[in-house]
Protein backbone atom coordinates (compact mmCIF):
# COMPACT_ATOMS: atom_id res chain seq x y z
CA UNK A 1 67.09 65.95 185.58
CA UNK A 2 63.97 68.10 185.70
CA UNK A 3 61.19 68.93 183.24
CA UNK A 4 60.39 72.64 183.33
CA UNK A 5 57.85 74.76 181.42
CA UNK A 6 59.45 77.10 178.90
CA UNK A 7 57.80 80.00 180.76
CA UNK A 8 60.00 79.14 183.77
CA UNK A 9 63.18 78.36 181.86
CA UNK A 10 66.21 80.48 182.81
CA UNK A 11 69.31 81.42 180.86
CA UNK A 12 72.37 79.35 181.69
CA UNK A 13 70.41 76.14 182.25
CA UNK A 14 71.49 73.03 180.36
CA UNK A 15 69.10 71.07 178.14
CA UNK A 16 69.78 67.33 178.48
CA UNK A 17 67.27 65.90 175.97
CA UNK A 18 66.87 66.90 172.31
CA UNK A 19 64.07 69.41 171.77
CA UNK A 20 61.99 68.64 168.68
CA UNK A 21 59.52 70.73 166.69
CA UNK A 22 56.02 69.43 165.95
CA UNK A 23 57.28 68.30 162.55
CA UNK A 24 60.00 66.22 164.17
CA UNK A 25 63.01 68.41 163.36
CA UNK A 26 65.59 68.86 166.12
CA UNK A 27 65.28 72.41 167.41
CA UNK A 28 68.03 72.16 170.04
CA UNK A 29 70.37 69.28 170.74
CA UNK A 30 71.01 67.97 174.24
CA UNK A 31 73.88 69.68 176.01
CA UNK A 32 72.84 73.17 174.85
CA UNK A 33 73.21 75.99 177.37
CA UNK A 34 70.08 78.15 177.20
CA UNK A 35 70.29 81.83 176.13
CA UNK A 36 67.62 84.54 175.98
CA UNK A 37 67.39 84.00 172.24
CA UNK A 38 66.85 80.26 172.72
CA UNK A 39 63.89 80.96 175.02
CA UNK A 40 62.44 83.26 172.35
CA UNK A 41 62.78 80.46 169.77
CA UNK A 42 61.17 77.88 172.07
CA UNK A 43 58.19 80.17 172.60
CA UNK A 44 57.91 80.86 168.87
CA UNK A 45 57.68 77.12 168.20
CA UNK A 46 55.14 76.65 171.00
CA UNK A 47 57.37 74.17 172.85
CA UNK A 48 55.60 73.60 176.20
CA UNK A 49 58.52 72.28 178.27
CA UNK A 50 62.10 71.04 178.12
CA UNK A 51 64.20 68.64 180.16
CA UNK A 52 67.10 70.33 181.90
CA UNK A 53 69.94 69.25 184.15
CA UNK A 54 68.99 69.55 187.80
CA UNK A 55 71.19 71.65 190.06
CA UNK A 56 72.24 68.63 192.11
CA UNK A 57 73.54 66.88 189.00
CA UNK A 58 75.68 69.80 187.92
CA UNK A 59 78.40 69.24 190.49
CA UNK A 60 78.68 65.48 190.02
CA UNK A 61 78.64 65.65 186.22
CA UNK A 62 80.83 68.72 185.79
CA UNK A 63 84.09 66.77 185.86
CA UNK A 64 83.01 64.30 183.16
CA UNK A 65 80.95 66.62 180.97
CA UNK A 66 82.57 67.28 177.57
CA UNK A 67 83.35 70.93 176.79
CA UNK A 68 80.80 72.85 174.74
CA UNK A 69 81.58 73.15 171.02
CA UNK A 70 82.13 76.94 171.06
CA UNK A 71 85.04 76.43 173.48
CA UNK A 72 86.61 73.37 171.89
CA UNK A 73 86.22 74.04 168.17
CA UNK A 74 84.98 77.51 167.34
CA UNK A 75 87.37 79.39 169.62
CA UNK A 76 90.51 78.59 167.56
CA UNK A 77 88.88 80.35 164.60
CA UNK A 78 88.28 83.49 166.64
CA UNK A 79 91.84 83.36 168.01
CA UNK A 80 93.28 83.21 164.49
CA UNK A 81 90.84 85.87 163.30
CA UNK A 82 91.86 88.24 166.09
CA UNK A 83 95.53 87.67 165.31
CA UNK A 84 94.88 88.50 161.67
CA UNK A 85 92.94 91.61 162.67
CA UNK A 86 95.87 92.90 164.74
CA UNK A 87 98.35 92.12 161.97
CA UNK A 88 96.23 93.80 159.30
CA UNK A 89 96.01 97.04 161.31
CA UNK A 90 99.81 96.95 161.53
CA UNK A 91 100.06 96.32 157.78
CA UNK A 92 97.82 99.31 156.98
CA UNK A 93 99.95 101.54 159.23
CA UNK A 94 103.12 100.35 157.51
CA UNK A 95 101.59 100.98 154.09
CA UNK A 96 100.56 104.49 155.14
CA UNK A 97 104.14 105.17 156.27
CA UNK A 98 105.58 103.83 152.98
CA UNK A 99 107.34 100.98 154.80
CA UNK A 100 107.77 97.44 153.51
CA UNK A 101 105.02 94.96 154.26
CA UNK A 102 105.76 91.68 156.12
CA UNK A 103 104.43 89.44 153.36
CA UNK A 104 105.75 86.19 154.92
CA UNK A 105 104.04 87.03 158.22
CA UNK A 106 100.83 87.89 156.34
CA UNK A 107 100.91 84.62 154.39
CA UNK A 108 101.59 82.55 157.52
CA UNK A 109 98.71 84.20 159.41
CA UNK A 110 96.42 83.66 156.42
CA UNK A 111 97.32 79.96 156.30
CA UNK A 112 96.59 79.57 160.02
CA UNK A 113 93.23 81.28 159.68
CA UNK A 114 92.24 79.16 156.68
CA UNK A 115 92.97 75.99 158.67
CA UNK A 116 89.97 76.94 160.85
CA UNK A 117 87.72 78.09 157.97
CA UNK A 118 85.18 75.30 158.59
CA UNK A 119 83.86 77.46 161.45
CA UNK A 120 83.33 80.49 159.20
CA UNK A 121 79.78 80.91 157.88
CA UNK A 122 79.53 83.60 155.21
CA UNK A 123 75.91 84.49 155.93
CA UNK A 124 75.95 84.46 159.72
CA UNK A 125 79.49 85.40 160.80
CA UNK A 126 79.83 88.66 162.72
CA UNK A 127 83.18 89.91 164.08
CA UNK A 128 83.47 90.40 167.82
CA UNK A 129 84.03 93.92 169.17
CA UNK A 130 83.22 95.42 165.79
CA UNK A 131 83.25 99.20 165.42
CA UNK A 132 82.66 101.46 162.44
CA UNK A 133 86.29 102.61 162.44
CA UNK A 134 87.45 99.00 162.17
CA UNK A 135 85.17 98.34 159.20
CA UNK A 136 87.95 98.30 156.60
CA UNK A 137 89.98 95.66 158.50
CA UNK A 138 87.07 93.36 159.29
CA UNK A 139 85.74 93.60 155.75
CA UNK A 140 89.16 92.78 154.31
CA UNK A 141 89.45 89.62 156.41
CA UNK A 142 85.91 88.50 155.59
CA UNK A 143 86.49 89.20 151.88
CA UNK A 144 89.66 87.09 152.01
CA UNK A 145 87.86 84.11 153.58
CA UNK A 146 84.85 84.42 151.29
CA UNK A 147 87.11 84.73 148.22
CA UNK A 148 88.95 81.58 149.28
CA UNK A 149 85.67 79.68 149.60
CA UNK A 150 84.25 81.00 146.33
CA UNK A 151 87.51 80.15 144.56
CA UNK A 152 87.26 76.62 145.92
CA UNK A 153 83.59 76.29 144.92
CA UNK A 154 84.47 77.54 141.43
CA UNK A 155 87.07 74.81 141.07
CA UNK A 156 90.29 76.83 141.21
CA UNK A 157 93.43 74.68 141.50
CA UNK A 158 94.92 74.45 145.01
CA UNK A 159 97.84 76.68 143.95
CA UNK A 160 95.41 79.56 143.30
CA UNK A 161 93.46 79.42 146.57
CA UNK A 162 96.02 81.11 148.83
CA UNK A 163 96.71 83.88 146.28
CA UNK A 164 92.98 84.66 145.89
CA UNK A 165 92.68 84.81 149.69
CA UNK A 166 95.65 87.21 149.84
CA UNK A 167 94.08 89.23 147.03
CA UNK A 168 90.94 89.56 149.14
CA UNK A 169 92.91 90.45 152.27
CA UNK A 170 94.90 93.23 150.58
CA UNK A 171 92.35 94.49 148.03
CA UNK A 172 91.61 97.63 150.07
CA UNK A 173 95.19 98.37 151.19
CA UNK A 174 94.97 101.65 149.26
CA UNK A 175 92.51 102.92 151.87
CA UNK A 176 95.49 103.23 154.23
CA UNK A 177 96.29 106.49 152.45
CA UNK A 178 92.75 107.88 152.20
CA UNK A 179 91.88 110.65 154.68
CA UNK A 180 90.01 109.18 157.68
CA UNK A 181 87.63 112.15 157.63
CA UNK A 182 86.44 110.98 154.20
CA UNK A 183 86.70 107.24 154.86
CA UNK A 184 84.54 107.43 157.99
CA UNK A 185 82.31 110.34 157.05
CA UNK A 186 78.81 109.62 158.44
CA UNK A 187 76.97 111.46 155.67
CA UNK A 188 76.90 111.21 151.89
CA UNK A 189 80.19 111.88 150.14
CA UNK A 190 80.55 114.84 147.80
CA UNK A 191 81.54 114.17 144.20
CA UNK A 192 85.08 115.33 144.98
CA UNK A 193 85.29 113.06 148.06
CA UNK A 194 83.97 110.12 146.06
CA UNK A 195 86.71 110.63 143.48
CA UNK A 196 89.24 110.67 146.32
CA UNK A 197 87.94 107.34 147.64
CA UNK A 198 88.11 105.80 144.16
CA UNK A 199 91.85 106.50 144.17
CA UNK A 200 92.33 103.66 146.68
CA UNK A 201 92.38 101.18 143.78
CA UNK A 202 95.42 102.69 142.03
CA UNK A 203 97.10 103.52 145.35
CA UNK A 204 96.66 99.91 146.44
CA UNK A 205 98.24 98.54 143.28
CA UNK A 206 101.21 100.88 143.67
CA UNK A 207 101.71 99.68 147.25
CA UNK A 208 101.67 96.02 146.20
CA UNK A 209 103.40 96.17 142.81
CA UNK A 210 106.95 95.79 144.13
CA UNK A 211 106.14 93.16 146.76
CA UNK A 212 108.22 90.01 146.28
CA UNK A 213 106.63 86.53 146.38
CA UNK A 214 103.18 87.90 145.46
CA UNK A 215 101.83 87.07 142.01
CA UNK A 216 100.32 89.62 139.66
CA UNK A 217 96.77 88.38 140.26
CA UNK A 218 96.97 89.40 143.93
CA UNK A 219 98.15 92.87 142.94
CA UNK A 220 95.45 93.23 140.29
CA UNK A 221 92.77 92.53 142.92
CA UNK A 222 93.63 95.93 144.43
CA UNK A 223 93.20 97.88 141.19
CA UNK A 224 90.44 95.82 139.55
CA UNK A 225 87.94 94.88 142.32
CA UNK A 226 85.66 97.77 141.28
CA UNK A 227 85.88 97.02 137.55
CA UNK A 228 82.73 95.55 135.98
CA UNK A 229 82.10 93.10 133.15
CA UNK A 230 80.44 95.75 130.94
CA UNK A 231 83.24 98.30 131.42
CA UNK A 232 81.19 100.53 133.75
CA UNK A 233 83.57 100.17 136.70
CA UNK A 234 86.67 102.06 137.78
CA UNK A 235 89.47 103.12 137.70
CA UNK A 236 90.20 102.06 134.10
CA UNK A 237 86.78 100.95 132.84
CA UNK A 238 88.17 97.67 131.50
CA UNK A 239 85.76 94.93 130.40
CA UNK A 240 85.34 91.31 131.47
CA UNK A 241 88.06 89.67 129.39
CA UNK A 242 90.62 92.14 130.79
CA UNK A 243 89.69 91.58 134.46
CA UNK A 244 91.74 88.97 136.31
CA UNK A 245 89.76 85.99 137.65
CA UNK A 246 90.99 86.68 141.20
CA UNK A 247 89.61 90.23 140.96
CA UNK A 248 86.24 88.95 139.68
CA UNK A 249 86.00 86.68 142.74
CA UNK A 250 87.09 89.42 145.14
CA UNK A 251 84.60 91.86 143.57
CA UNK A 252 81.67 89.60 144.53
CA UNK A 253 82.96 89.03 148.06
CA UNK A 254 83.71 92.75 148.48
CA UNK A 255 80.24 93.84 147.35
CA UNK A 256 78.53 91.28 149.59
CA UNK A 257 80.43 92.22 152.74
CA UNK A 258 80.29 95.96 152.07
CA UNK A 259 76.51 95.79 151.91
CA UNK A 260 76.00 93.42 154.87
CA UNK A 261 78.29 95.26 157.32
CA UNK A 262 77.52 98.47 159.23
CA UNK A 263 79.43 101.46 157.85
CA UNK A 264 79.69 105.09 158.92
CA UNK A 265 77.18 106.26 156.30
CA UNK A 266 75.07 103.13 155.80
CA UNK A 267 73.41 100.45 157.90
CA UNK A 268 73.92 96.77 157.15
CA UNK A 269 71.41 95.10 154.83
CA UNK A 270 69.94 91.61 155.18
CA UNK A 271 72.33 89.12 153.52
CA UNK A 272 69.36 87.63 151.64
CA UNK A 273 68.39 90.94 150.08
CA UNK A 274 72.04 91.47 149.18
CA UNK A 275 72.17 88.06 147.47
CA UNK A 276 69.17 89.10 145.38
CA UNK A 277 70.90 92.36 144.51
CA UNK A 278 74.04 90.45 143.53
CA UNK A 279 71.91 88.26 141.28
CA UNK A 280 70.56 91.40 139.56
CA UNK A 281 74.08 92.82 139.30
CA UNK A 282 75.19 89.62 137.59
CA UNK A 283 73.40 90.77 134.45
CA UNK A 284 76.20 92.66 132.76
CA UNK A 285 78.30 93.79 135.72
CA UNK A 286 79.53 90.76 137.70
CA UNK A 287 80.63 87.38 136.37
CA UNK A 288 77.29 85.48 136.19
CA UNK A 289 78.79 82.01 136.68
CA UNK A 290 80.65 83.09 139.82
CA UNK A 291 77.56 84.87 141.20
CA UNK A 292 75.35 81.83 140.61
CA UNK A 293 77.90 79.57 142.28
CA UNK A 294 78.14 81.94 145.25
CA UNK A 295 74.38 82.22 145.76
CA UNK A 296 73.76 78.48 145.36
CA UNK A 297 76.49 77.51 147.82
CA UNK A 298 75.75 79.99 150.61
CA UNK A 299 72.02 79.16 150.53
CA UNK A 300 72.42 75.39 150.69
CA UNK A 301 70.38 75.02 153.86
CA UNK A 302 69.10 71.75 155.17
CA UNK A 303 65.41 71.41 155.93
CA UNK A 304 64.92 72.37 159.56
CA UNK A 305 67.22 75.40 159.44
CA UNK A 306 65.78 78.07 161.73
CA UNK A 307 65.37 81.54 160.23
CA UNK A 308 63.86 84.88 161.23
CA UNK A 309 61.74 86.67 158.62
CA UNK A 310 61.60 90.41 158.02
CA UNK A 311 58.41 90.62 160.12
CA UNK A 312 60.36 89.00 163.03
CA UNK A 313 58.49 85.69 162.87
CA UNK A 314 60.67 82.62 163.42
CA UNK A 315 60.25 79.42 161.44
CA UNK A 316 62.07 76.50 159.89
CA UNK A 317 62.91 75.91 156.26
CA UNK A 318 60.96 72.94 154.90
CA UNK A 319 61.69 73.22 151.17
CA UNK A 320 64.25 75.07 149.03
CA UNK A 321 63.55 75.75 145.37
CA UNK A 322 66.91 75.89 143.59
CA UNK A 323 65.38 78.22 141.02
CA UNK A 324 64.85 80.72 143.87
CA UNK A 325 67.63 79.87 146.35
CA UNK A 326 67.13 82.93 148.57
CA UNK A 327 63.37 82.33 148.90
CA UNK A 328 62.59 78.91 150.43
CA UNK A 329 59.36 77.71 152.03
CA UNK A 330 59.28 78.41 155.77
CA UNK A 331 57.05 76.68 158.30
CA UNK A 332 55.82 79.04 161.03
CA UNK A 333 53.78 77.20 163.66
CA UNK A 334 52.22 74.93 161.04
CA UNK A 335 51.64 77.66 158.42
CA UNK A 336 53.79 77.44 155.28
CA UNK A 337 55.13 80.78 154.05
CA UNK A 338 56.35 80.52 150.44
CA UNK A 339 58.80 83.41 150.08
CA UNK A 340 58.82 82.98 146.31
CA UNK A 341 55.17 84.08 146.33
CA UNK A 342 55.23 86.45 149.33
CA UNK A 343 57.78 88.87 147.91
CA UNK A 344 57.14 91.47 150.60
CA UNK A 345 58.85 89.15 153.10
CA UNK A 346 62.47 88.00 153.17
CA UNK A 347 64.83 86.11 155.49
CA UNK A 348 66.40 88.60 157.89
CA UNK A 349 68.57 86.22 159.86
CA UNK A 350 69.67 82.58 160.13
CA UNK A 351 69.24 81.50 163.73
CA UNK A 352 70.54 77.95 163.59
CA UNK A 353 71.75 75.69 160.82
C-alpha cells in the first residue's frame, strides 16, 4: 500500500482504506477505483491524502480480489434494461404498422427488469447511450419502473404492481403514430402541432383496447395520463374521481421523467426543482397523497449523502427537514447551508448515496 497526496492521485488507482470527511462520515469506501469525479470530490472536501494499493500488490491480489459492485450487481439491471429498450422499439414499430403486440414477451421482459429494480434510483439513474430520438423509449421504461415503485410505496396489492408497471411502459404507445418531424421538432410546437401530439392519448388507447390479458387500468393509462384532478387535462377533461388510480400514478412518473430528461425542444431540469414543481402541481392537478408519497420516498437520504448544489459546490447532507424534503441542510467544508432558507440555491445532483 502507499499513501499519496490527493494532488498526485490518478484515475484508475484503488483506494484500500475508507476515506472519511472531517465530520466522520465515510466519503469513499475501501476498494473504490478512483475516477476524475472522485478526485474532484476529494479536493472539495479538503482531503489531504488517501491510501491506495501499490502497483506491486496489484498482481498478487488480483486473483483473490472480489469483483467491483458495478460488475457483479448493477450490470444485470443494465442488461435487462437494454433488452427492454430493444423490445420496446420493436413494439412501437409493430404498433405503427397496425400489427399485434407481443404482450407475453413484454410482460416477461418487464418481470425480469423488475427483479433487478433495487439498482434503479429514480433521482440519479441515467440511461446509457441516450439520444434525443430515443427519448420516448427511455422515458417509457423509466416511467414503468417509477410507477411500479410509487405503486408499491402507496400500498397497492401485489396483483396491481405488474399492471401499473405495464401501464407506465405502454402509456405513450400512441406516439408510434405521431409524425417524427413533430415529435422531435427542436423548436416550439405550433398550436396545430400541439393538438396533433395530444392525439397520442386516444391513439394509444385504441392500440391497446383489444389486447388480451391486459386489464382496463393498463389501457386507461394511455388515454388518461394527461388528465388532471381538476378537469383541466386532456383528451376528455375528466376529473379526479373518473381517473383510474394507475393513470394517476403514471401521470406523476411521466411528468417527473419528461421534465428531468433531455428532449429535442427542452433541456433537462434538476430533479429537485422538478419535485418542487410537482408539489405545486399537487394543488388541484395531481393526486396530492401520491405526490407527497413520491417526494418523501425519493428524498429519503441518509446523513452523509454527497450532493452538488446549483452553484457547483459539493457537500454532504447533515439534516433533512421532512417538512421541506427537497431542501435539507448541507455541510460544505464546515459551513452549513440551509436550503430551506437559501432559496436561491438547490440540489443539482446526487453524487453518492
